[in-house]
Amino acid sequence: MTLQECAQIIGERLEMNAIAFGVIYEGGETSAFRYDPSSDPQQPELVGALVNRRMPMREVLLSLNDFMNE
C-alpha cells in the first residue's frame, strides 16, 4: 500500500478527503508522511520519514514540508 492510498483510506474513515499528513508514535520511534492531495494523482508529491526517536509532531511535519518544498 502506498502512502497516497493510506492518506485516502484514513481520510475516508474520518469522513474527509485524503488527509495531508500522518504521524505515528510506536515505542521510541516516530513514523510520518506528508502528502499533497492537490498534486497529480499519476505523480503524487509525497514524502515519508522513520526516525529512531520520539519527535514533536510539529518538528517532524515542518521537516517534511521543508523537504517537499525544496
PDB file of N, CA and C in Angstrom:
ATOM      1  N   MET A   1       0.858  -1.174   0.000  1.00  0.00           N
ATOM      2  CA  MET A   1       0.000   0.000   0.000  1.00  0.00           C
ATOM      3  C   MET A   1       0.902   1.235   0.000  1.00  0.00           C
ATOM      4  N   THR A   2       0.579   2.183  -0.840  1.00  0.00           N
ATOM      5  CA  THR A   2       1.378   3.403  -0.921  1.00  0.00           C
ATOM      6  C   THR A   2       0.905   4.423   0.111  1.00  0.00           C
ATOM      7  N   LEU A   3       1.740   5.415   0.348  1.00  0.00           N
ATOM      8  CA  LEU A   3       1.347   6.485   1.272  1.00  0.00           C
ATOM      9  C   LEU A   3       0.112   7.209   0.764  1.00  0.00           C
ATOM     10  N   GLN A   4      -0.010   7.339  -0.555  1.00  0.00           N
ATOM     11  CA  GLN A   4      -1.184   8.005  -1.133  1.00  0.00           C
ATOM     12  C   GLN A   4      -2.447   7.218  -0.784  1.00  0.00           C
ATOM     13  N   GLU A   5      -2.393   5.897  -0.886  1.00  0.00           N
ATOM     14  CA  GLU A   5      -3.547   5.062  -0.538  1.00  0.00           C
ATOM     15  C   GLU A   5      -3.865   5.151   0.952  1.00  0.00           C
ATOM     16  N   CYS A   6      -2.826   5.191   1.780  1.00  0.00           N
ATOM     17  CA  CYS A   6      -3.040   5.352   3.228  1.00  0.00           C
ATOM     18  C   CYS A   6      -3.755   6.661   3.520  1.00  0.00           C
ATOM     19  N   ALA A   7      -3.324   7.721   2.878  1.00  0.00           N
ATOM     20  CA  ALA A   7      -3.942   9.031   3.096  1.00  0.00           C
ATOM     21  C   ALA A   7      -5.408   8.998   2.706  1.00  0.00           C
ATOM     22  N   GLN A   8      -5.718   8.322   1.607  1.00  0.00           N
ATOM     23  CA  GLN A   8      -7.101   8.246   1.137  1.00  0.00           C
ATOM     24  C   GLN A   8      -7.958   7.414   2.094  1.00  0.00           C
ATOM     25  N   ILE A   9      -7.455   6.260   2.520  1.00  0.00           N
ATOM     26  CA  ILE A   9      -8.211   5.379   3.412  1.00  0.00           C
ATOM     27  C   ILE A   9      -8.472   6.046   4.755  1.00  0.00           C
ATOM     28  N   ILE A  10      -7.442   6.649   5.341  1.00  0.00           N
ATOM     29  CA  ILE A  10      -7.611   7.318   6.635  1.00  0.00           C
ATOM     30  C   ILE A  10      -8.573   8.487   6.494  1.00  0.00           C
ATOM     31  N   GLY A  11      -8.427   9.260   5.423  1.00  0.00           N
ATOM     32  CA  GLY A  11      -9.329  10.386   5.185  1.00  0.00           C
ATOM     33  C   GLY A  11     -10.773   9.946   5.050  1.00  0.00           C
ATOM     34  N   GLU A  12     -11.008   8.839   4.356  1.00  0.00           N
ATOM     35  CA  GLU A  12     -12.372   8.327   4.203  1.00  0.00           C
ATOM     36  C   GLU A  12     -12.945   7.883   5.546  1.00  0.00           C
ATOM     37  N   ARG A  13     -12.130   7.238   6.365  1.00  0.00           N
ATOM     38  CA  ARG A  13     -12.600   6.784   7.682  1.00  0.00           C
ATOM     39  C   ARG A  13     -12.959   7.968   8.579  1.00  0.00           C
ATOM     40  N   LEU A  14     -12.269   9.080   8.378  1.00  0.00           N
ATOM     41  CA  LEU A  14     -12.549  10.295   9.154  1.00  0.00           C
ATOM     42  C   LEU A  14     -13.624  11.147   8.481  1.00  0.00           C
ATOM     43  N   GLU A  15     -14.213  10.618   7.387  1.00  0.00           N
ATOM     44  CA  GLU A  15     -15.226  11.318   6.607  1.00  0.00           C
ATOM     45  C   GLU A  15     -14.702  12.647   6.070  1.00  0.00           C
ATOM     46  N   MET A  16     -13.473  12.601   5.557  1.00  0.00           N
ATOM     47  CA  MET A  16     -12.806  13.758   4.962  1.00  0.00           C
ATOM     48  C   MET A  16     -12.285  13.331   3.588  1.00  0.00           C
ATOM     49  N   ASN A  17     -11.704  14.257   2.862  1.00  0.00           N
ATOM     50  CA  ASN A  17     -10.961  13.890   1.660  1.00  0.00           C
ATOM     51  C   ASN A  17      -9.641  13.281   2.121  1.00  0.00           C
ATOM     52  N   ALA A  18      -8.768  13.003   1.188  1.00  0.00           N
ATOM     53  CA  ALA A  18      -7.462  12.455   1.553  1.00  0.00           C
ATOM     54  C   ALA A  18      -6.783  13.380   2.557  1.00  0.00           C
ATOM     55  N   ILE A  19      -6.293  12.804   3.630  1.00  0.00           N
ATOM     56  CA  ILE A  19      -5.608  13.632   4.612  1.00  0.00           C
ATOM     57  C   ILE A  19      -4.226  13.996   4.097  1.00  0.00           C
ATOM     58  N   ALA A  20      -3.685  15.073   4.591  1.00  0.00           N
ATOM     59  CA  ALA A  20      -2.421  15.586   4.076  1.00  0.00           C
ATOM     60  C   ALA A  20      -1.204  15.030   4.815  1.00  0.00           C
ATOM     61  N   PHE A  21      -1.381  14.524   6.024  1.00  0.00           N
ATOM     62  CA  PHE A  21      -0.231  14.015   6.767  1.00  0.00           C
ATOM     63  C   PHE A  21      -0.682  13.053   7.856  1.00  0.00           C
ATOM     64  N   GLY A  22       0.267  12.293   8.338  1.00  0.00           N
ATOM     65  CA  GLY A  22       0.017  11.410   9.469  1.00  0.00           C
ATOM     66  C   GLY A  22       1.303  11.221  10.240  1.00  0.00           C
ATOM     67  N   VAL A  23       1.191  11.117  11.550  1.00  0.00           N
ATOM     68  CA  VAL A  23       2.335  10.871  12.423  1.00  0.00           C
ATOM     69  C   VAL A  23       1.937   9.753  13.378  1.00  0.00           C
ATOM     70  N   ILE A  24       2.797   8.764  13.515  1.00  0.00           N
ATOM     71  CA  ILE A  24       2.540   7.628  14.395  1.00  0.00           C
ATOM     72  C   ILE A  24       3.735   7.470  15.330  1.00  0.00           C
ATOM     73  N   TYR A  25       3.437   7.325  16.609  1.00  0.00           N
ATOM     74  CA  TYR A  25       4.478   7.064  17.601  1.00  0.00           C
ATOM     75  C   TYR A  25       4.352   5.615  18.039  1.00  0.00           C
ATOM     76  N   GLU A  26       5.461   4.874  17.972  1.00  0.00           N
ATOM     77  CA  GLU A  26       5.462   3.488  18.422  1.00  0.00           C
ATOM     78  C   GLU A  26       6.766   3.243  19.170  1.00  0.00           C
ATOM     79  N   GLY A  27       6.634   3.001  20.465  1.00  0.00           N
ATOM     80  CA  GLY A  27       7.831   2.848  21.276  1.00  0.00           C
ATOM     81  C   GLY A  27       8.661   4.113  21.227  1.00  0.00           C
ATOM     82  N   GLY A  28       9.933   3.967  20.892  1.00  0.00           N
ATOM     83  CA  GLY A  28      10.814   5.123  20.801  1.00  0.00           C
ATOM     84  C   GLY A  28      10.974   5.653  19.391  1.00  0.00           C
ATOM     85  N   GLU A  29      10.097   5.259  18.473  1.00  0.00           N
ATOM     86  CA  GLU A  29      10.223   5.687  17.082  1.00  0.00           C
ATOM     87  C   GLU A  29       9.073   6.593  16.652  1.00  0.00           C
ATOM     88  N   THR A  30       9.344   7.408  15.651  1.00  0.00           N
ATOM     89  CA  THR A  30       8.345   8.276  15.048  1.00  0.00           C
ATOM     90  C   THR A  30       8.289   7.970  13.564  1.00  0.00           C
ATOM     91  N   SER A  31       7.109   7.680  13.051  1.00  0.00           N
ATOM     92  CA  SER A  31       6.898   7.479  11.612  1.00  0.00           C
ATOM     93  C   SER A  31       5.957   8.573  11.141  1.00  0.00           C
ATOM     94  N   ALA A  32       6.197   9.100   9.950  1.00  0.00           N
ATOM     95  CA  ALA A  32       5.352  10.184   9.466  1.00  0.00           C
ATOM     96  C   ALA A  32       5.331  10.202   7.948  1.00  0.00           C
ATOM     97  N   PHE A  33       4.252  10.789   7.398  1.00  0.00           N
ATOM     98  CA  PHE A  33       4.208  11.047   5.971  1.00  0.00           C
ATOM     99  C   PHE A  33       3.503  12.362   5.738  1.00  0.00           C
ATOM    100  N   ARG A  34       3.805  12.967   4.598  1.00  0.00           N
ATOM    101  CA  ARG A  34       3.197  14.227   4.166  1.00  0.00           C
ATOM    102  C   ARG A  34       2.833  14.042   2.712  1.00  0.00           C
ATOM    103  N   TYR A  35       1.581  14.269   2.384  1.00  0.00           N
ATOM    104  CA  TYR A  35       1.064  14.045   1.036  1.00  0.00           C
ATOM    105  C   TYR A  35       0.367  15.312   0.573  1.00  0.00           C
ATOM    106  N   ASP A  36       0.607  15.695  -0.672  1.00  0.00           N
ATOM    107  CA  ASP A  36      -0.064  16.866  -1.236  1.00  0.00           C
ATOM    108  C   ASP A  36      -1.260  16.380  -2.047  1.00  0.00           C
ATOM    109  N   PRO A  37      -2.496  16.422  -1.471  1.00  0.00           N
ATOM    110  CA  PRO A  37      -3.660  15.902  -2.180  1.00  0.00           C
ATOM    111  C   PRO A  37      -4.013  16.673  -3.448  1.00  0.00           C
ATOM    112  N   SER A  38      -3.461  17.859  -3.633  1.00  0.00           N
ATOM    113  CA  SER A  38      -3.736  18.617  -4.859  1.00  0.00           C
ATOM    114  C   SER A  38      -2.740  18.282  -5.974  1.00  0.00           C
ATOM    115  N   SER A  39      -1.786  17.400  -5.702  1.00  0.00           N
ATOM    116  CA  SER A  39      -0.815  17.034  -6.732  1.00  0.00           C
ATOM    117  C   SER A  39      -1.450  16.053  -7.727  1.00  0.00           C
ATOM    118  N   ASP A  40      -0.791  15.865  -8.839  1.00  0.00           N
ATOM    119  CA  ASP A  40      -1.261  14.966  -9.895  1.00  0.00           C
ATOM    120  C   ASP A  40      -1.343  13.541  -9.356  1.00  0.00           C
ATOM    121  N   PRO A  41      -2.505  12.883  -9.412  1.00  0.00           N
ATOM    122  CA  PRO A  41      -2.639  11.517  -8.888  1.00  0.00           C
ATOM    123  C   PRO A  41      -1.702  10.517  -9.566  1.00  0.00           C
ATOM    124  N   GLN A  42      -1.309  10.796 -10.813  1.00  0.00           N
ATOM    125  CA  GLN A  42      -0.385   9.905 -11.517  1.00  0.00           C
ATOM    126  C   GLN A  42       1.058  10.096 -11.052  1.00  0.00           C
ATOM    127  N   GLN A  43       1.360  11.263 -10.512  1.00  0.00           N
ATOM    128  CA  GLN A  43       2.701  11.576  -9.998  1.00  0.00           C
ATOM    129  C   GLN A  43       2.551  12.325  -8.670  1.00  0.00           C
ATOM    130  N   PRO A  44       2.023  11.670  -7.647  1.00  0.00           N
ATOM    131  CA  PRO A  44       1.749  12.379  -6.402  1.00  0.00           C
ATOM    132  C   PRO A  44       3.027  12.855  -5.717  1.00  0.00           C
ATOM    133  N   GLU A  45       2.904  13.988  -5.065  1.00  0.00           N
ATOM    134  CA  GLU A  45       4.013  14.520  -4.282  1.00  0.00           C
ATOM    135  C   GLU A  45       3.828  14.041  -2.853  1.00  0.00           C
ATOM    136  N   LEU A  46       4.749  13.212  -2.376  1.00  0.00           N
ATOM    137  CA  LEU A  46       4.674  12.742  -1.006  1.00  0.00           C
ATOM    138  C   LEU A  46       6.062  12.427  -0.491  1.00  0.00           C
ATOM    139  N   VAL A  47       6.201  12.544   0.802  1.00  0.00           N
ATOM    140  CA  VAL A  47       7.447  12.235   1.480  1.00  0.00           C
ATOM    141  C   VAL A  47       7.110  11.492   2.759  1.00  0.00           C
ATOM    142  N   GLY A  48       8.053  10.729   3.256  1.00  0.00           N
ATOM    143  CA  GLY A  48       7.850   9.999   4.496  1.00  0.00           C
ATOM    144  C   GLY A  48       9.144   9.931   5.274  1.00  0.00           C
ATOM    145  N   ALA A  49       9.022   9.591   6.544  1.00  0.00           N
ATOM    146  CA  ALA A  49      10.202   9.504   7.406  1.00  0.00           C
ATOM    147  C   ALA A  49       9.968   8.481   8.502  1.00  0.00           C
ATOM    148  N   LEU A  50      11.028   7.810   8.889  1.00  0.00           N
ATOM    149  CA  LEU A  50      11.048   6.933  10.051  1.00  0.00           C
ATOM    150  C   LEU A  50      12.245   7.372  10.878  1.00  0.00           C
ATOM    151  N   VAL A  51      11.989   7.823  12.084  1.00  0.00           N
ATOM    152  CA  VAL A  51      13.041   8.369  12.943  1.00  0.00           C
ATOM    153  C   VAL A  51      13.162   7.477  14.168  1.00  0.00           C
ATOM    154  N   ASN A  52      14.392   7.160  14.579  1.00  0.00           N
ATOM    155  CA  ASN A  52      14.577   6.234  15.688  1.00  0.00           C
ATOM    156  C   ASN A  52      14.525   6.917  17.062  1.00  0.00           C
ATOM    157  N   ARG A  53      13.724   7.968  17.150  1.00  0.00           N
ATOM    158  CA  ARG A  53      13.455   8.617  18.436  1.00  0.00           C
ATOM    159  C   ARG A  53      12.100   9.309  18.350  1.00  0.00           C
ATOM    160  N   ARG A  54      11.542   9.617  19.490  1.00  0.00           N
ATOM    161  CA  ARG A  54      10.276  10.356  19.505  1.00  0.00           C
ATOM    162  C   ARG A  54      10.572  11.824  19.236  1.00  0.00           C
ATOM    163  N   MET A  55       9.828  12.402  18.326  1.00  0.00           N
ATOM    164  CA  MET A  55       9.998  13.811  17.961  1.00  0.00           C
ATOM    165  C   MET A  55       8.655  14.508  18.075  1.00  0.00           C
ATOM    166  N   PRO A  56       8.644  15.788  18.410  1.00  0.00           N
ATOM    167  CA  PRO A  56       7.378  16.533  18.414  1.00  0.00           C
ATOM    168  C   PRO A  56       6.772  16.539  17.011  1.00  0.00           C
ATOM    169  N   MET A  57       5.451  16.374  16.936  1.00  0.00           N
ATOM    170  CA  MET A  57       4.763  16.323  15.652  1.00  0.00           C
ATOM    171  C   MET A  57       5.080  17.544  14.799  1.00  0.00           C
ATOM    172  N   ARG A  58       5.081  18.713  15.409  1.00  0.00           N
ATOM    173  CA  ARG A  58       5.344  19.945  14.664  1.00  0.00           C
ATOM    174  C   ARG A  58       6.719  19.903  14.001  1.00  0.00           C
ATOM    175  N   GLU A  59       7.726  19.422  14.723  1.00  0.00           N
ATOM    176  CA  GLU A  59       9.089  19.355  14.185  1.00  0.00           C
ATOM    177  C   GLU A  59       9.160  18.386  13.000  1.00  0.00           C
ATOM    178  N   VAL A  60       8.512  17.233  13.123  1.00  0.00           N
ATOM    179  CA  VAL A  60       8.524  16.248  12.037  1.00  0.00           C
ATOM    180  C   VAL A  60       7.838  16.825  10.799  1.00  0.00           C
ATOM    181  N   LEU A  61       6.659  17.401  10.977  1.00  0.00           N
ATOM    182  CA  LEU A  61       5.912  17.917   9.831  1.00  0.00           C
ATOM    183  C   LEU A  61       6.611  19.100   9.170  1.00  0.00           C
ATOM    184  N   LEU A  62       7.230  19.965   9.964  1.00  0.00           N
ATOM    185  CA  LEU A  62       7.986  21.073   9.373  1.00  0.00           C
ATOM    186  C   LEU A  62       9.153  20.553   8.540  1.00  0.00           C
ATOM    187  N   SER A  63       9.827  19.508   9.029  1.00  0.00           N
ATOM    188  CA  SER A  63      10.927  18.917   8.268  1.00  0.00           C
ATOM    189  C   SER A  63      10.440  18.315   6.961  1.00  0.00           C
ATOM    190  N   LEU A  64       9.295  17.613   7.007  1.00  0.00           N
ATOM    191  CA  LEU A  64       8.750  17.039   5.779  1.00  0.00           C
ATOM    192  C   LEU A  64       8.306  18.123   4.802  1.00  0.00           C
ATOM    193  N   ASN A  65       7.688  19.189   5.318  1.00  0.00           N
ATOM    194  CA  ASN A  65       7.279  20.305   4.458  1.00  0.00           C
ATOM    195  C   ASN A  65       8.480  20.958   3.798  1.00  0.00           C
ATOM    196  N   ASP A  66       9.541  21.180   4.580  1.00  0.00           N
ATOM    197  CA  ASP A  66      10.762  21.774   4.029  1.00  0.00           C
ATOM    198  C   ASP A  66      11.338  20.906   2.923  1.00  0.00           C
ATOM    199  N   PHE A  67      11.376  19.582   3.158  1.00  0.00           N
ATOM    200  CA  PHE A  67      11.911  18.666   2.164  1.00  0.00           C
ATOM    201  C   PHE A  67      11.058  18.685   0.899  1.00  0.00           C
ATOM    202  N   MET A  68       9.733  18.675   1.073  1.00  0.00           N
ATOM    203  CA  MET A  68       8.820  18.664  -0.075  1.00  0.00           C
ATOM    204  C   MET A  68       8.937  19.946  -0.897  1.00  0.00           C
ATOM    205  N   ASN A  69       9.184  21.064  -0.237  1.00  0.00           N
ATOM    206  CA  ASN A  69       9.224  22.356  -0.920  1.00  0.00           C
ATOM    207  C   ASN A  69      10.587  22.710  -1.517  1.00  0.00           C
ATOM    208  N   GLU A  70      11.586  21.822  -1.364  1.00  0.00           N
ATOM    209  CA  GLU A  70      12.910  22.106  -1.937  1.00  0.00           C
ATOM    210  C   GLU A  70      12.878  22.051  -3.443  1.00  0.00           C
TER     211      GLU A  70
END
